[in-house]
Amino acid sequence: ALLVLVLLGVLVLLAAGASVDAAQPGSGLTALHVGALRGQEGAVRALLAARASCGLQSAEGATPLCLASAAGHVEVARALLENGGGCGASLALTLARERGHDDVCAVLLEAAAA
């Protein structure tokens, strides 16, 4: 139920004209970063459909793909890669490998080989 509310909130904000790439002051996190970090695949796909930029970096230099990979969110990582979100893929692979997320590593390596 919470994921449905998050997705609905994203859609309402976008319909109201919110910038899909608006970033939080200080952290530089966009809605796509937060969705990726939290593993909210539906929200991530909605943001990607609204043309959210996959390549934006947080204040610490992390892309949404890096955050999803470090957290082990394989389906979110896949969604980002399917939508041109390969920015930071080598760092994402390192983060996933360090944290033992073998399923994410496989998706990243498969995308790199394609």
N, C-alpha and C. Protein backbone atom coordinates (compact mmCIF):
# COMPACT_ATOMS: atom_id res chain seq x y z
N ALA A 1 0.83 -1.19 0.00
CA ALA A 1 0.00 0.00 0.00
C ALA A 1 0.87 1.25 0.00
N LEU A 2 1.99 1.24 0.73
CA LEU A 2 2.86 2.41 0.77
C LEU A 2 3.46 2.70 -0.59
N LEU A 3 3.86 1.65 -1.32
CA LEU A 3 4.44 1.87 -2.64
C LEU A 3 3.43 2.48 -3.59
N VAL A 4 2.17 2.10 -3.46
CA VAL A 4 1.12 2.69 -4.30
C VAL A 4 0.99 4.17 -3.98
N LEU A 5 1.06 4.54 -2.71
CA LEU A 5 0.97 5.95 -2.32
C LEU A 5 2.17 6.74 -2.83
N VAL A 6 3.35 6.15 -2.78
CA VAL A 6 4.55 6.82 -3.29
C VAL A 6 4.40 7.06 -4.79
N LEU A 7 3.98 6.04 -5.52
CA LEU A 7 3.80 6.17 -6.96
C LEU A 7 2.74 7.22 -7.27
N LEU A 8 1.65 7.20 -6.54
CA LEU A 8 0.58 8.17 -6.75
C LEU A 8 1.10 9.58 -6.47
N GLY A 9 1.88 9.74 -5.40
CA GLY A 9 2.46 11.04 -5.08
C GLY A 9 3.36 11.55 -6.19
N VAL A 10 4.16 10.68 -6.76
CA VAL A 10 5.04 11.06 -7.87
C VAL A 10 4.20 11.52 -9.05
N LEU A 11 3.18 10.77 -9.38
CA LEU A 11 2.34 11.12 -10.53
C LEU A 11 1.61 12.44 -10.31
N VAL A 12 1.12 12.68 -9.10
CA VAL A 12 0.42 13.93 -8.79
C VAL A 12 1.37 15.12 -8.93
N LEU A 13 2.58 14.99 -8.38
CA LEU A 13 3.54 16.07 -8.48
C LEU A 13 3.92 16.37 -9.93
N LEU A 14 4.12 15.33 -10.71
CA LEU A 14 4.46 15.54 -12.12
C LEU A 14 3.31 16.19 -12.87
N ALA A 15 2.09 15.77 -12.58
CA ALA A 15 0.92 16.35 -13.23
C ALA A 15 0.76 17.83 -12.86
N ALA A 16 1.20 18.18 -11.67
CA ALA A 16 1.11 19.57 -11.20
C ALA A 16 2.23 20.44 -11.76
N GLY A 17 3.12 19.84 -12.54
CA GLY A 17 4.17 20.61 -13.18
C GLY A 17 5.50 20.62 -12.45
N ALA A 18 5.66 19.77 -11.47
CA ALA A 18 6.95 19.70 -10.76
C ALA A 18 8.04 19.25 -11.72
N SER A 19 9.23 19.78 -11.53
CA SER A 19 10.36 19.36 -12.35
C SER A 19 10.76 17.94 -11.99
N VAL A 20 10.83 17.09 -12.97
CA VAL A 20 11.16 15.68 -12.73
C VAL A 20 12.59 15.53 -12.20
N ASP A 21 13.43 16.51 -12.47
CA ASP A 21 14.82 16.44 -12.04
C ASP A 21 15.16 17.40 -10.90
N ALA A 22 14.15 17.91 -10.22
CA ALA A 22 14.42 18.81 -9.08
C ALA A 22 15.24 18.06 -8.04
N ALA A 23 16.24 18.73 -7.50
CA ALA A 23 17.14 18.10 -6.52
C ALA A 23 16.98 18.75 -5.16
N GLN A 24 17.16 17.93 -4.13
CA GLN A 24 17.12 18.44 -2.76
C GLN A 24 18.36 19.30 -2.52
N PRO A 25 18.17 20.48 -1.94
CA PRO A 25 19.33 21.32 -1.64
C PRO A 25 20.29 20.58 -0.69
N GLY A 26 21.53 20.73 -0.96
CA GLY A 26 22.55 20.11 -0.11
C GLY A 26 22.94 18.72 -0.58
N SER A 27 21.97 17.80 -0.61
CA SER A 27 22.29 16.42 -0.98
C SER A 27 22.35 16.22 -2.49
N GLY A 28 21.62 17.04 -3.23
CA GLY A 28 21.58 16.88 -4.67
C GLY A 28 20.75 15.69 -5.12
N LEU A 29 20.03 15.07 -4.20
CA LEU A 29 19.22 13.90 -4.56
C LEU A 29 17.95 14.32 -5.27
N THR A 30 17.67 13.64 -6.37
CA THR A 30 16.42 13.83 -7.09
C THR A 30 15.44 12.73 -6.67
N ALA A 31 14.21 12.84 -7.14
CA ALA A 31 13.24 11.79 -6.85
C ALA A 31 13.71 10.44 -7.40
N LEU A 32 14.40 10.47 -8.53
CA LEU A 32 14.92 9.22 -9.10
C LEU A 32 15.99 8.61 -8.20
N HIS A 33 16.86 9.43 -7.64
CA HIS A 33 17.86 8.94 -6.69
C HIS A 33 17.17 8.26 -5.50
N VAL A 34 16.19 8.94 -4.94
CA VAL A 34 15.51 8.42 -3.74
C VAL A 34 14.76 7.13 -4.06
N GLY A 35 14.06 7.10 -5.18
CA GLY A 35 13.35 5.88 -5.58
C GLY A 35 14.31 4.72 -5.80
N ALA A 36 15.46 5.01 -6.42
CA ALA A 36 16.46 3.96 -6.66
C ALA A 36 17.03 3.45 -5.34
N LEU A 37 17.35 4.37 -4.44
CA LEU A 37 17.91 4.00 -3.14
C LEU A 37 16.96 3.14 -2.33
N ARG A 38 15.68 3.44 -2.41
CA ARG A 38 14.67 2.73 -1.63
C ARG A 38 14.09 1.50 -2.34
N GLY A 39 14.51 1.29 -3.58
CA GLY A 39 14.03 0.11 -4.30
C GLY A 39 12.59 0.22 -4.77
N GLN A 40 12.13 1.43 -5.03
CA GLN A 40 10.75 1.65 -5.43
C GLN A 40 10.64 1.61 -6.95
N GLU A 41 10.56 0.38 -7.45
CA GLU A 41 10.60 0.17 -8.90
C GLU A 41 9.48 0.91 -9.63
N GLY A 42 8.27 0.90 -9.09
CA GLY A 42 7.16 1.58 -9.75
C GLY A 42 7.39 3.07 -9.87
N ALA A 43 7.87 3.68 -8.81
CA ALA A 43 8.16 5.11 -8.84
C ALA A 43 9.30 5.40 -9.81
N VAL A 44 10.33 4.56 -9.80
CA VAL A 44 11.45 4.74 -10.72
C VAL A 44 10.97 4.65 -12.16
N ARG A 45 10.16 3.67 -12.48
CA ARG A 45 9.66 3.53 -13.86
C ARG A 45 8.79 4.72 -14.25
N ALA A 46 7.97 5.22 -13.31
CA ALA A 46 7.14 6.40 -13.60
C ALA A 46 8.00 7.62 -13.87
N LEU A 47 9.05 7.78 -13.07
CA LEU A 47 9.96 8.91 -13.28
C LEU A 47 10.72 8.78 -14.60
N LEU A 48 11.13 7.57 -14.94
CA LEU A 48 11.81 7.36 -16.21
C LEU A 48 10.87 7.64 -17.38
N ALA A 49 9.61 7.25 -17.25
CA ALA A 49 8.63 7.53 -18.30
C ALA A 49 8.41 9.03 -18.45
N ALA A 50 8.60 9.78 -17.36
CA ALA A 50 8.47 11.23 -17.40
C ALA A 50 9.78 11.90 -17.81
N ARG A 51 10.74 11.09 -18.23
CA ARG A 51 12.03 11.55 -18.74
C ARG A 51 12.98 12.10 -17.68
N ALA A 52 12.95 11.48 -16.51
CA ALA A 52 13.93 11.84 -15.49
C ALA A 52 15.33 11.50 -16.00
N SER A 53 16.28 12.32 -15.64
CA SER A 53 17.65 12.11 -16.08
C SER A 53 18.35 11.08 -15.19
N CYS A 54 18.84 10.03 -15.82
CA CYS A 54 19.53 8.96 -15.09
C CYS A 54 20.96 9.34 -14.72
N GLY A 55 21.51 10.32 -15.39
CA GLY A 55 22.92 10.63 -15.22
C GLY A 55 23.24 11.69 -14.18
N LEU A 56 22.22 12.26 -13.56
CA LEU A 56 22.50 13.28 -12.55
C LEU A 56 23.17 12.66 -11.34
N GLN A 57 24.14 13.36 -10.81
CA GLN A 57 24.88 12.89 -9.64
C GLN A 57 24.44 13.65 -8.40
N SER A 58 24.42 12.94 -7.28
CA SER A 58 24.16 13.58 -6.00
C SER A 58 25.37 14.43 -5.62
N ALA A 59 25.27 15.13 -4.52
CA ALA A 59 26.41 15.93 -4.04
C ALA A 59 27.63 15.06 -3.76
N GLU A 60 27.40 13.78 -3.48
CA GLU A 60 28.50 12.84 -3.22
C GLU A 60 28.95 12.10 -4.48
N GLY A 61 28.36 12.45 -5.63
CA GLY A 61 28.78 11.86 -6.89
C GLY A 61 28.08 10.57 -7.27
N ALA A 62 27.01 10.23 -6.59
CA ALA A 62 26.29 8.97 -6.88
C ALA A 62 25.18 9.19 -7.89
N THR A 63 25.09 8.30 -8.86
CA THR A 63 23.97 8.28 -9.79
C THR A 63 22.88 7.36 -9.21
N PRO A 64 21.67 7.45 -9.75
CA PRO A 64 20.63 6.51 -9.30
C PRO A 64 21.06 5.04 -9.43
N LEU A 65 21.78 4.71 -10.50
CA LEU A 65 22.25 3.33 -10.69
C LEU A 65 23.21 2.92 -9.58
N CYS A 66 24.08 3.81 -9.17
CA CYS A 66 25.00 3.51 -8.07
C CYS A 66 24.23 3.21 -6.79
N LEU A 67 23.23 4.03 -6.50
CA LEU A 67 22.45 3.85 -5.27
C LEU A 67 21.66 2.55 -5.28
N ALA A 68 21.02 2.25 -6.41
CA ALA A 68 20.24 1.01 -6.52
C ALA A 68 21.16 -0.20 -6.40
N SER A 69 22.32 -0.13 -7.03
CA SER A 69 23.26 -1.25 -7.02
C SER A 69 23.83 -1.49 -5.63
N ALA A 70 24.21 -0.42 -4.96
CA ALA A 70 24.76 -0.55 -3.61
C ALA A 70 23.76 -1.12 -2.64
N ALA A 71 22.47 -0.84 -2.87
CA ALA A 71 21.41 -1.32 -1.99
C ALA A 71 20.88 -2.70 -2.40
N GLY A 72 21.34 -3.21 -3.55
CA GLY A 72 20.92 -4.54 -3.98
C GLY A 72 19.56 -4.60 -4.65
N HIS A 73 19.11 -3.50 -5.21
CA HIS A 73 17.79 -3.45 -5.85
C HIS A 73 17.93 -3.81 -7.34
N VAL A 74 17.93 -5.10 -7.61
CA VAL A 74 18.22 -5.59 -8.95
C VAL A 74 17.20 -5.12 -9.99
N GLU A 75 15.92 -5.12 -9.67
CA GLU A 75 14.92 -4.72 -10.66
C GLU A 75 15.00 -3.23 -10.96
N VAL A 76 15.33 -2.44 -9.96
CA VAL A 76 15.51 -1.01 -10.18
C VAL A 76 16.74 -0.77 -11.05
N ALA A 77 17.82 -1.47 -10.77
CA ALA A 77 19.02 -1.35 -11.59
C ALA A 77 18.70 -1.74 -13.03
N ARG A 78 17.96 -2.80 -13.21
CA ARG A 78 17.58 -3.24 -14.56
C ARG A 78 16.75 -2.16 -15.26
N ALA A 79 15.78 -1.58 -14.55
CA ALA A 79 14.94 -0.54 -15.14
C ALA A 79 15.78 0.67 -15.57
N LEU A 80 16.74 1.06 -14.75
CA LEU A 80 17.60 2.18 -15.09
C LEU A 80 18.44 1.87 -16.32
N LEU A 81 19.01 0.68 -16.36
CA LEU A 81 19.84 0.29 -17.51
C LEU A 81 19.01 0.21 -18.79
N GLU A 82 17.79 -0.26 -18.70
CA GLU A 82 16.91 -0.36 -19.87
C GLU A 82 16.53 1.01 -20.41
N ASN A 83 16.69 2.04 -19.58
CA ASN A 83 16.29 3.39 -19.97
C ASN A 83 17.48 4.34 -20.08
N GLY A 84 18.63 3.79 -20.42
CA GLY A 84 19.80 4.61 -20.65
C GLY A 84 20.51 5.07 -19.39
N GLY A 85 20.24 4.41 -18.28
CA GLY A 85 20.83 4.82 -17.01
C GLY A 85 22.13 4.15 -16.68
N GLY A 86 22.97 3.94 -17.66
CA GLY A 86 24.24 3.26 -17.43
C GLY A 86 25.34 4.16 -16.89
N CYS A 87 25.03 5.43 -16.67
CA CYS A 87 26.04 6.35 -16.13
C CYS A 87 26.52 5.86 -14.77
N GLY A 88 27.80 5.75 -14.63
CA GLY A 88 28.36 5.29 -13.37
C GLY A 88 28.32 3.79 -13.20
N ALA A 89 28.22 3.06 -14.32
CA ALA A 89 28.07 1.60 -14.24
C ALA A 89 29.27 0.91 -13.61
N SER A 90 30.48 1.41 -13.87
CA SER A 90 31.64 0.73 -13.28
C SER A 90 31.67 0.93 -11.76
N LEU A 91 31.33 2.13 -11.30
CA LEU A 91 31.24 2.35 -9.85
C LEU A 91 30.10 1.53 -9.26
N ALA A 92 28.98 1.46 -9.97
CA ALA A 92 27.84 0.67 -9.51
C ALA A 92 28.24 -0.79 -9.35
N LEU A 93 29.01 -1.31 -10.31
CA LEU A 93 29.48 -2.69 -10.23
C LEU A 93 30.38 -2.89 -9.02
N THR A 94 31.28 -1.96 -8.78
CA THR A 94 32.17 -2.05 -7.62
C THR A 94 31.36 -2.06 -6.32
N LEU A 95 30.39 -1.16 -6.21
CA LEU A 95 29.57 -1.07 -5.01
C LEU A 95 28.76 -2.35 -4.78
N ALA A 96 28.17 -2.87 -5.85
CA ALA A 96 27.38 -4.11 -5.74
C ALA A 96 28.27 -5.28 -5.34
N ARG A 97 29.45 -5.35 -5.95
CA ARG A 97 30.38 -6.45 -5.65
C ARG A 97 30.84 -6.37 -4.19
N GLU A 98 31.18 -5.18 -3.72
CA GLU A 98 31.64 -5.01 -2.33
C GLU A 98 30.58 -5.43 -1.32
N ARG A 99 29.32 -5.28 -1.69
CA ARG A 99 28.23 -5.58 -0.77
C ARG A 99 27.62 -6.97 -1.00
N GLY A 100 28.21 -7.73 -1.92
CA GLY A 100 27.76 -9.09 -2.14
C GLY A 100 26.45 -9.24 -2.90
N HIS A 101 26.11 -8.23 -3.70
CA HIS A 101 24.88 -8.29 -4.49
C HIS A 101 25.17 -8.90 -5.86
N ASP A 102 25.35 -10.22 -5.86
CA ASP A 102 25.73 -10.93 -7.08
C ASP A 102 24.70 -10.80 -8.19
N ASP A 103 23.41 -10.74 -7.83
CA ASP A 103 22.37 -10.61 -8.85
C ASP A 103 22.46 -9.26 -9.55
N VAL A 104 22.79 -8.22 -8.82
CA VAL A 104 22.97 -6.90 -9.43
C VAL A 104 24.22 -6.91 -10.31
N CYS A 105 25.29 -7.53 -9.83
CA CYS A 105 26.51 -7.63 -10.63
C CYS A 105 26.23 -8.31 -11.97
N ALA A 106 25.45 -9.37 -11.94
CA ALA A 106 25.13 -10.08 -13.19
C ALA A 106 24.39 -9.19 -14.16
N VAL A 107 23.44 -8.41 -13.67
CA VAL A 107 22.67 -7.49 -14.53
C VAL A 107 23.59 -6.42 -15.12
N LEU A 108 24.47 -5.87 -14.30
CA LEU A 108 25.40 -4.83 -14.78
C LEU A 108 26.37 -5.39 -15.81
N LEU A 109 26.89 -6.58 -15.56
CA LEU A 109 27.81 -7.19 -16.52
C LEU A 109 27.11 -7.55 -17.83
N GLU A 110 25.89 -8.03 -17.72
CA GLU A 110 25.10 -8.35 -18.92
C GLU A 110 24.87 -7.09 -19.75
N ALA A 111 24.55 -5.99 -19.10
CA ALA A 111 24.32 -4.73 -19.82
C ALA A 111 25.60 -4.23 -20.47
N ALA A 112 26.73 -4.40 -19.81
CA ALA A 112 28.00 -3.95 -20.34
C ALA A 112 28.40 -4.76 -21.58
N ALA A 113 28.02 -6.02 -21.60
CA ALA A 113 28.38 -6.90 -22.71
C ALA A 113 27.47 -6.69 -23.93
N ALA A 114 26.33 -6.08 -23.72
CA ALA A 114 25.36 -5.89 -24.83
C ALA A 114 25.78 -4.78 -25.76
